[in-house]
């Protein structure tokens, strides 16, 4: 049983992943929301001022926090881009092995599915697949024909 874990010799080209950027944006949105709530609590606000502040807050924070499905789709997109970027290298180096792609990087390579199934469980999305030849078969199919 052989397994390689961690980043397996394939480095992603960007320094920060899309998931990190989304998390930083969510943190910034939360800080803006908290600051807005503090201002509302501290000041004696008129209805007009509250409307203006709500409008300004809407301009600063136009989108709602990402749902679980949106997070999964974002990570799926990052993982798919990583797969397509390194597909040739994966098929050259890891033929017949199982590969895990998560967080936009190759996380593990192993001889069997059981070797890699517990890698990157903390992510919202991951690819686990066996690197196999995808040669096209040429020829005619011969189906058994029942003759009467």
N, C-alpha and C. Protein backbone atom coordinates (compact mmCIF):
# COMPACT_ATOMS: atom_id res chain seq x y z
N UNK A 1 0.86 -1.17 0.00
CA UNK A 1 0.00 0.00 0.00
C UNK A 1 0.90 1.23 0.00
N UNK A 2 0.82 1.99 -1.09
CA UNK A 2 1.66 3.17 -1.22
C UNK A 2 0.75 4.38 -1.42
N UNK A 3 1.02 5.44 -0.67
CA UNK A 3 0.23 6.66 -0.80
C UNK A 3 1.16 7.85 -0.64
N UNK A 4 0.97 8.82 -1.52
CA UNK A 4 1.69 10.08 -1.41
C UNK A 4 0.65 11.11 -1.02
N UNK A 5 0.90 11.85 0.06
CA UNK A 5 -0.06 12.87 0.47
C UNK A 5 0.59 14.22 0.42
N UNK A 6 -0.23 15.21 0.62
CA UNK A 6 0.26 16.57 0.50
C UNK A 6 0.23 16.98 -0.95
N UNK A 7 0.88 18.06 -1.25
CA UNK A 7 0.93 18.53 -2.62
C UNK A 7 1.97 17.69 -3.34
N UNK A 8 1.57 16.96 -4.34
CA UNK A 8 2.41 15.95 -4.97
C UNK A 8 3.12 16.48 -6.19
N UNK A 9 4.05 17.37 -6.00
CA UNK A 9 4.90 17.82 -7.09
C UNK A 9 4.21 18.66 -8.14
N UNK A 10 2.95 18.98 -7.97
CA UNK A 10 2.24 19.83 -8.93
C UNK A 10 1.81 21.07 -8.18
N UNK A 11 2.39 22.18 -8.53
CA UNK A 11 2.07 23.43 -7.86
C UNK A 11 1.06 24.21 -8.68
N UNK A 12 0.08 24.78 -8.00
CA UNK A 12 -0.91 25.60 -8.67
C UNK A 12 -0.28 26.95 -8.98
N UNK A 13 -0.65 27.57 -10.08
CA UNK A 13 0.03 28.77 -10.53
C UNK A 13 -0.34 30.01 -9.73
N UNK A 14 -1.52 30.07 -9.14
CA UNK A 14 -1.91 31.24 -8.38
C UNK A 14 -1.48 31.09 -6.93
N UNK A 15 -1.17 32.23 -6.30
CA UNK A 15 -0.72 32.18 -4.91
C UNK A 15 -1.87 31.95 -3.95
N UNK A 16 -3.00 32.59 -4.19
CA UNK A 16 -4.16 32.37 -3.34
C UNK A 16 -5.25 31.73 -4.19
N UNK A 17 -5.95 30.79 -3.61
CA UNK A 17 -7.00 30.10 -4.36
C UNK A 17 -8.27 30.94 -4.34
N UNK A 18 -9.20 30.61 -5.22
CA UNK A 18 -10.47 31.30 -5.30
C UNK A 18 -11.25 31.15 -3.99
N UNK A 19 -11.09 30.02 -3.33
CA UNK A 19 -11.79 29.79 -2.07
C UNK A 19 -11.28 30.76 -1.00
N UNK A 20 -9.95 31.01 -0.97
CA UNK A 20 -9.38 31.97 -0.02
C UNK A 20 -9.91 33.38 -0.28
N UNK A 21 -10.01 33.74 -1.56
CA UNK A 21 -10.51 35.06 -1.92
C UNK A 21 -11.97 35.21 -1.48
N UNK A 22 -12.77 34.16 -1.70
CA UNK A 22 -14.17 34.21 -1.27
C UNK A 22 -14.29 34.33 0.24
N UNK A 23 -13.43 33.64 0.97
CA UNK A 23 -13.47 33.71 2.44
C UNK A 23 -13.08 35.11 2.92
N UNK A 24 -12.07 35.72 2.30
CA UNK A 24 -11.66 37.08 2.67
C UNK A 24 -12.78 38.07 2.38
N UNK A 25 -13.46 37.90 1.24
CA UNK A 25 -14.57 38.79 0.91
C UNK A 25 -15.70 38.63 1.92
N UNK A 26 -15.97 37.41 2.33
CA UNK A 26 -17.03 37.17 3.31
C UNK A 26 -16.67 37.81 4.66
N UNK A 27 -15.40 37.70 5.07
CA UNK A 27 -14.96 38.33 6.31
C UNK A 27 -15.11 39.85 6.25
N UNK A 28 -14.74 40.44 5.11
CA UNK A 28 -14.89 41.89 4.93
C UNK A 28 -16.35 42.29 4.99
N UNK A 29 -17.22 41.53 4.33
CA UNK A 29 -18.65 41.83 4.37
C UNK A 29 -19.19 41.75 5.80
N UNK A 30 -18.73 40.79 6.59
CA UNK A 30 -19.17 40.66 7.98
C UNK A 30 -18.71 41.86 8.81
N UNK A 31 -17.49 42.33 8.58
CA UNK A 31 -16.99 43.51 9.32
C UNK A 31 -17.80 44.75 8.97
N UNK A 32 -18.13 44.94 7.68
CA UNK A 32 -18.94 46.08 7.27
C UNK A 32 -20.31 46.01 7.93
N UNK A 33 -20.90 44.82 7.95
CA UNK A 33 -22.22 44.63 8.57
C UNK A 33 -22.17 44.97 10.06
N UNK A 34 -21.14 44.51 10.77
CA UNK A 34 -21.01 44.80 12.20
C UNK A 34 -20.84 46.30 12.45
N UNK A 35 -20.04 46.97 11.61
CA UNK A 35 -19.85 48.42 11.76
C UNK A 35 -21.16 49.16 11.53
N UNK A 36 -21.92 48.74 10.56
CA UNK A 36 -23.21 49.35 10.28
C UNK A 36 -24.15 49.21 11.47
N UNK A 37 -24.19 48.02 12.08
CA UNK A 37 -25.05 47.80 13.24
C UNK A 37 -24.63 48.66 14.43
N UNK A 38 -23.32 48.85 14.63
CA UNK A 38 -22.84 49.70 15.72
C UNK A 38 -23.30 51.14 15.53
N UNK A 39 -23.21 51.64 14.29
CA UNK A 39 -23.63 53.02 14.01
C UNK A 39 -25.11 53.17 14.29
N UNK A 40 -25.90 52.20 13.89
CA UNK A 40 -27.35 52.27 14.11
C UNK A 40 -27.67 52.29 15.60
N UNK A 41 -26.95 51.51 16.40
CA UNK A 41 -27.22 51.44 17.84
C UNK A 41 -26.77 52.71 18.56
N UNK A 42 -25.65 53.30 18.17
CA UNK A 42 -25.06 54.42 18.88
C UNK A 42 -25.78 55.75 18.63
N UNK A 43 -26.20 56.02 17.45
CA UNK A 43 -26.74 57.32 17.10
C UNK A 43 -28.25 57.38 17.25
N UNK A 44 -28.72 58.59 17.49
CA UNK A 44 -30.16 58.84 17.49
C UNK A 44 -30.54 59.07 16.03
N UNK A 45 -31.01 58.04 15.39
CA UNK A 45 -31.21 58.09 13.95
C UNK A 45 -32.63 58.48 13.58
N UNK A 46 -32.73 59.31 12.57
CA UNK A 46 -34.02 59.65 12.00
C UNK A 46 -34.34 58.61 10.92
N UNK A 47 -35.60 58.45 10.55
CA UNK A 47 -35.93 57.50 9.48
C UNK A 47 -35.22 57.80 8.16
N UNK A 48 -35.05 59.10 7.84
CA UNK A 48 -34.37 59.44 6.59
C UNK A 48 -32.91 59.01 6.62
N UNK A 49 -32.25 59.25 7.76
CA UNK A 49 -30.84 58.86 7.88
C UNK A 49 -30.70 57.35 7.81
N UNK A 50 -31.62 56.64 8.43
CA UNK A 50 -31.57 55.18 8.36
C UNK A 50 -31.73 54.68 6.92
N UNK A 51 -32.62 55.31 6.15
CA UNK A 51 -32.80 54.92 4.74
C UNK A 51 -31.52 55.16 3.95
N UNK A 52 -30.88 56.30 4.17
CA UNK A 52 -29.63 56.61 3.47
C UNK A 52 -28.53 55.62 3.84
N UNK A 53 -28.46 55.29 5.15
CA UNK A 53 -27.44 54.34 5.59
C UNK A 53 -27.71 52.96 5.00
N UNK A 54 -28.97 52.54 4.97
CA UNK A 54 -29.30 51.23 4.40
C UNK A 54 -28.95 51.20 2.92
N UNK A 55 -29.21 52.31 2.21
CA UNK A 55 -28.86 52.38 0.80
C UNK A 55 -27.34 52.28 0.62
N UNK A 56 -26.58 53.00 1.45
CA UNK A 56 -25.12 52.95 1.38
C UNK A 56 -24.61 51.55 1.69
N UNK A 57 -25.20 50.93 2.70
CA UNK A 57 -24.80 49.57 3.05
C UNK A 57 -25.08 48.62 1.90
N UNK A 58 -26.21 48.80 1.22
CA UNK A 58 -26.54 47.97 0.06
C UNK A 58 -25.53 48.13 -1.05
N UNK A 59 -25.00 49.35 -1.23
CA UNK A 59 -23.97 49.56 -2.24
C UNK A 59 -22.66 48.89 -1.85
N UNK A 60 -22.34 48.93 -0.54
CA UNK A 60 -21.10 48.31 -0.08
C UNK A 60 -21.19 46.79 -0.09
N UNK A 61 -22.37 46.26 0.21
CA UNK A 61 -22.56 44.82 0.34
C UNK A 61 -23.72 44.36 -0.54
N UNK A 62 -23.53 44.34 -1.87
CA UNK A 62 -24.66 44.03 -2.74
C UNK A 62 -25.06 42.56 -2.79
N UNK A 63 -24.23 41.66 -2.33
CA UNK A 63 -24.58 40.24 -2.43
C UNK A 63 -24.70 39.61 -1.04
N UNK A 64 -25.50 38.61 -0.99
CA UNK A 64 -25.71 37.87 0.25
C UNK A 64 -24.58 36.87 0.44
N UNK A 65 -24.37 36.39 1.65
CA UNK A 65 -23.35 35.36 1.85
C UNK A 65 -23.64 34.13 0.98
N UNK A 66 -22.58 33.46 0.57
CA UNK A 66 -22.72 32.30 -0.31
C UNK A 66 -23.39 31.14 0.42
N UNK A 67 -24.29 30.49 -0.26
CA UNK A 67 -24.92 29.31 0.30
C UNK A 67 -23.97 28.12 0.15
N UNK A 68 -24.32 27.02 0.77
CA UNK A 68 -23.50 25.80 0.68
C UNK A 68 -23.36 25.34 -0.77
N UNK A 69 -24.45 25.41 -1.53
CA UNK A 69 -24.42 24.99 -2.94
C UNK A 69 -23.49 25.89 -3.75
N UNK A 70 -23.51 27.19 -3.47
CA UNK A 70 -22.63 28.11 -4.20
C UNK A 70 -21.17 27.85 -3.85
N UNK A 71 -20.88 27.57 -2.57
CA UNK A 71 -19.51 27.23 -2.18
C UNK A 71 -19.03 25.96 -2.88
N UNK A 72 -19.90 24.95 -2.96
CA UNK A 72 -19.54 23.71 -3.64
C UNK A 72 -19.26 23.98 -5.11
N UNK A 73 -20.10 24.77 -5.76
CA UNK A 73 -19.89 25.09 -7.17
C UNK A 73 -18.60 25.86 -7.40
N UNK A 74 -18.28 26.79 -6.50
CA UNK A 74 -17.02 27.54 -6.63
C UNK A 74 -15.82 26.60 -6.52
N UNK A 75 -15.82 25.74 -5.51
CA UNK A 75 -14.71 24.81 -5.35
C UNK A 75 -14.64 23.80 -6.50
N UNK A 76 -15.79 23.37 -7.00
CA UNK A 76 -15.81 22.46 -8.14
C UNK A 76 -15.14 23.12 -9.35
N UNK A 77 -15.44 24.39 -9.57
CA UNK A 77 -14.81 25.11 -10.68
C UNK A 77 -13.31 25.21 -10.53
N UNK A 78 -12.84 25.50 -9.32
CA UNK A 78 -11.39 25.58 -9.06
C UNK A 78 -10.74 24.22 -9.31
N UNK A 79 -11.36 23.15 -8.80
CA UNK A 79 -10.81 21.80 -8.97
C UNK A 79 -10.82 21.37 -10.44
N UNK A 80 -11.86 21.72 -11.16
CA UNK A 80 -11.94 21.37 -12.57
C UNK A 80 -10.87 22.09 -13.38
N UNK A 81 -10.62 23.37 -13.07
CA UNK A 81 -9.54 24.11 -13.75
C UNK A 81 -8.19 23.48 -13.47
N UNK A 82 -7.97 23.04 -12.24
CA UNK A 82 -6.71 22.37 -11.90
C UNK A 82 -6.57 21.08 -12.68
N UNK A 83 -7.65 20.30 -12.75
CA UNK A 83 -7.60 19.03 -13.50
C UNK A 83 -7.26 19.29 -14.97
N UNK A 84 -7.94 20.22 -15.60
CA UNK A 84 -7.69 20.46 -17.02
C UNK A 84 -6.29 21.02 -17.25
N UNK A 85 -5.79 21.79 -16.31
CA UNK A 85 -4.45 22.35 -16.45
C UNK A 85 -3.36 21.27 -16.38
N UNK A 86 -3.55 20.29 -15.50
CA UNK A 86 -2.52 19.28 -15.26
C UNK A 86 -2.88 17.90 -15.79
N UNK A 87 -3.91 17.80 -16.63
CA UNK A 87 -4.37 16.50 -17.12
C UNK A 87 -3.26 15.72 -17.82
N UNK A 88 -2.52 16.37 -18.67
CA UNK A 88 -1.46 15.68 -19.41
C UNK A 88 -0.41 15.13 -18.45
N UNK A 89 0.00 15.94 -17.49
CA UNK A 89 1.01 15.51 -16.53
C UNK A 89 0.50 14.35 -15.66
N UNK A 90 -0.77 14.41 -15.27
CA UNK A 90 -1.35 13.33 -14.47
C UNK A 90 -1.33 12.02 -15.24
N UNK A 91 -1.70 12.05 -16.52
CA UNK A 91 -1.74 10.83 -17.32
C UNK A 91 -0.35 10.31 -17.64
N UNK A 92 0.65 11.17 -17.62
CA UNK A 92 2.02 10.71 -17.86
C UNK A 92 2.63 10.08 -16.61
N UNK A 93 2.40 10.67 -15.45
CA UNK A 93 3.09 10.25 -14.23
C UNK A 93 2.32 9.28 -13.35
N UNK A 94 1.00 9.31 -13.36
CA UNK A 94 0.22 8.55 -12.38
C UNK A 94 -0.75 7.56 -13.01
N UNK A 95 -0.40 6.99 -14.14
CA UNK A 95 -1.27 6.02 -14.81
C UNK A 95 -1.54 4.82 -13.89
N UNK A 96 -2.81 4.48 -13.73
CA UNK A 96 -3.22 3.35 -12.91
C UNK A 96 -3.34 3.68 -11.43
N UNK A 97 -3.10 4.92 -11.03
CA UNK A 97 -3.18 5.30 -9.62
C UNK A 97 -4.44 6.15 -9.38
N UNK A 98 -4.81 6.29 -8.12
CA UNK A 98 -5.93 7.12 -7.73
C UNK A 98 -5.42 8.49 -7.31
N UNK A 99 -6.10 9.54 -7.75
CA UNK A 99 -5.67 10.92 -7.49
C UNK A 99 -6.80 11.66 -6.81
N UNK A 100 -6.44 12.54 -5.86
CA UNK A 100 -7.41 13.41 -5.19
C UNK A 100 -7.04 14.84 -5.53
N UNK A 101 -8.00 15.58 -6.10
CA UNK A 101 -7.83 17.01 -6.35
C UNK A 101 -8.83 17.74 -5.47
N UNK A 102 -8.31 18.62 -4.61
CA UNK A 102 -9.15 19.42 -3.72
C UNK A 102 -8.44 20.74 -3.45
N UNK A 103 -9.22 21.78 -3.18
CA UNK A 103 -8.68 23.11 -2.90
C UNK A 103 -7.80 23.61 -4.05
N UNK A 104 -8.08 23.16 -5.25
CA UNK A 104 -7.34 23.63 -6.42
C UNK A 104 -5.96 23.03 -6.56
N UNK A 105 -5.67 21.93 -5.86
CA UNK A 105 -4.35 21.30 -5.92
C UNK A 105 -4.49 19.78 -5.85
N UNK A 106 -3.48 19.09 -6.35
CA UNK A 106 -3.44 17.64 -6.20
C UNK A 106 -3.04 17.36 -4.76
N UNK A 107 -3.92 16.72 -4.01
CA UNK A 107 -3.70 16.51 -2.59
C UNK A 107 -3.04 15.16 -2.29
N UNK A 108 -3.38 14.11 -3.06
CA UNK A 108 -2.82 12.79 -2.76
C UNK A 108 -2.88 11.91 -4.00
N UNK A 109 -1.95 10.94 -4.02
CA UNK A 109 -1.91 9.91 -5.06
C UNK A 109 -1.69 8.59 -4.35
N UNK A 110 -2.50 7.57 -4.68
CA UNK A 110 -2.36 6.27 -4.04
C UNK A 110 -2.66 5.13 -4.99
N UNK A 111 -2.33 3.93 -4.56
CA UNK A 111 -2.52 2.74 -5.39
C UNK A 111 -3.97 2.27 -5.43
N UNK A 112 -4.75 2.56 -4.38
CA UNK A 112 -6.14 2.12 -4.36
C UNK A 112 -7.03 3.25 -3.85
N UNK A 113 -8.33 3.08 -4.05
CA UNK A 113 -9.29 4.07 -3.58
C UNK A 113 -9.25 4.19 -2.07
N UNK A 114 -9.09 3.06 -1.38
CA UNK A 114 -9.05 3.08 0.08
C UNK A 114 -7.87 3.89 0.60
N UNK A 115 -6.78 3.96 -0.17
CA UNK A 115 -5.62 4.74 0.25
C UNK A 115 -5.90 6.24 0.28
N UNK A 116 -6.76 6.72 -0.62
CA UNK A 116 -6.94 8.16 -0.77
C UNK A 116 -8.31 8.67 -0.33
N UNK A 117 -9.21 7.79 0.05
CA UNK A 117 -10.58 8.22 0.31
C UNK A 117 -10.72 9.16 1.52
N UNK A 118 -9.78 9.15 2.44
CA UNK A 118 -9.88 9.99 3.64
C UNK A 118 -9.04 11.26 3.56
N UNK A 119 -8.60 11.62 2.38
CA UNK A 119 -7.80 12.82 2.19
C UNK A 119 -8.71 13.99 1.86
N UNK A 120 -8.44 15.15 2.46
CA UNK A 120 -9.16 16.41 2.19
C UNK A 120 -10.65 16.30 2.50
N UNK A 121 -10.98 15.73 3.62
CA UNK A 121 -12.39 15.61 4.01
C UNK A 121 -12.99 16.94 4.46
N UNK A 122 -12.15 17.92 4.77
CA UNK A 122 -12.63 19.21 5.26
C UNK A 122 -13.08 20.15 4.14
N UNK A 123 -12.99 19.73 2.89
CA UNK A 123 -13.37 20.58 1.77
C UNK A 123 -14.84 20.39 1.41
N UNK A 124 -15.37 21.34 0.66
CA UNK A 124 -16.74 21.23 0.18
C UNK A 124 -16.84 20.37 -1.07
N UNK A 125 -15.75 20.28 -1.83
CA UNK A 125 -15.76 19.50 -3.07
C UNK A 125 -14.36 18.94 -3.31
N UNK A 126 -14.31 17.71 -3.83
CA UNK A 126 -13.04 17.10 -4.21
C UNK A 126 -13.29 16.09 -5.32
N UNK A 127 -12.29 15.92 -6.17
CA UNK A 127 -12.33 14.88 -7.20
C UNK A 127 -11.47 13.73 -6.73
N UNK A 128 -12.00 12.52 -6.80
CA UNK A 128 -11.20 11.31 -6.58
C UNK A 128 -11.43 10.45 -7.81
N UNK A 129 -10.37 10.14 -8.52
CA UNK A 129 -10.52 9.35 -9.74
C UNK A 129 -9.28 8.51 -9.99
N UNK A 130 -9.48 7.46 -10.79
CA UNK A 130 -8.38 6.60 -11.19
C UNK A 130 -7.90 7.07 -12.55
N UNK A 131 -6.61 7.26 -12.68
CA UNK A 131 -6.03 7.68 -13.95
C UNK A 131 -5.91 6.45 -14.83
N UNK A 132 -6.74 6.42 -15.88
CA UNK A 132 -6.77 5.26 -16.78
C UNK A 132 -6.69 5.74 -18.22
N UNK A 133 -6.20 4.86 -19.08
CA UNK A 133 -6.10 5.16 -20.49
C UNK A 133 -7.49 5.32 -21.09
N UNK A 134 -7.64 6.31 -21.95
CA UNK A 134 -8.93 6.53 -22.58
C UNK A 134 -8.80 6.36 -24.09
N UNK A 135 -8.22 5.25 -24.48
CA UNK A 135 -8.06 4.98 -25.90
C UNK A 135 -9.41 4.62 -26.50
N UNK A 136 -9.62 5.12 -27.72
CA UNK A 136 -10.86 4.80 -28.42
C UNK A 136 -10.72 3.44 -29.08
N UNK A 137 -11.77 2.66 -29.00
CA UNK A 137 -11.78 1.34 -29.61
C UNK A 137 -12.39 1.47 -30.99
N UNK A 138 -11.65 1.01 -31.98
CA UNK A 138 -12.16 1.07 -33.35
C UNK A 138 -12.59 -0.32 -33.78
N UNK A 139 -13.56 -0.37 -34.62
CA UNK A 139 -14.04 -1.65 -35.11
C UNK A 139 -15.54 -1.72 -35.06
N UNK A 140 -16.05 -2.86 -35.38
CA UNK A 140 -17.49 -3.05 -35.37
C UNK A 140 -17.87 -3.91 -34.18
N UNK A 141 -19.01 -3.58 -33.62
CA UNK A 141 -19.54 -4.41 -32.54
C UNK A 141 -20.19 -5.64 -33.17
N UNK A 142 -19.97 -6.76 -32.59
CA UNK A 142 -20.58 -7.99 -33.07
C UNK A 142 -21.54 -8.48 -32.00
N UNK A 143 -22.80 -8.33 -32.29
CA UNK A 143 -23.81 -8.75 -31.36
C UNK A 143 -24.29 -10.14 -31.73
N UNK A 144 -24.56 -10.97 -30.74
CA UNK A 144 -25.10 -12.29 -31.08
C UNK A 144 -26.49 -12.16 -31.68
N UNK A 145 -26.66 -12.76 -32.81
CA UNK A 145 -27.96 -12.67 -33.48
C UNK A 145 -28.64 -14.04 -33.39
N UNK A 146 -29.86 -14.01 -32.97
CA UNK A 146 -30.64 -15.24 -32.89
C UNK A 146 -31.32 -15.45 -34.23
N UNK A 147 -31.04 -16.57 -34.83
CA UNK A 147 -31.65 -16.87 -36.12
C UNK A 147 -32.76 -17.90 -35.90
N UNK A 148 -33.79 -17.69 -36.60
CA UNK A 148 -34.93 -18.60 -36.45
C UNK A 148 -34.97 -19.62 -37.53
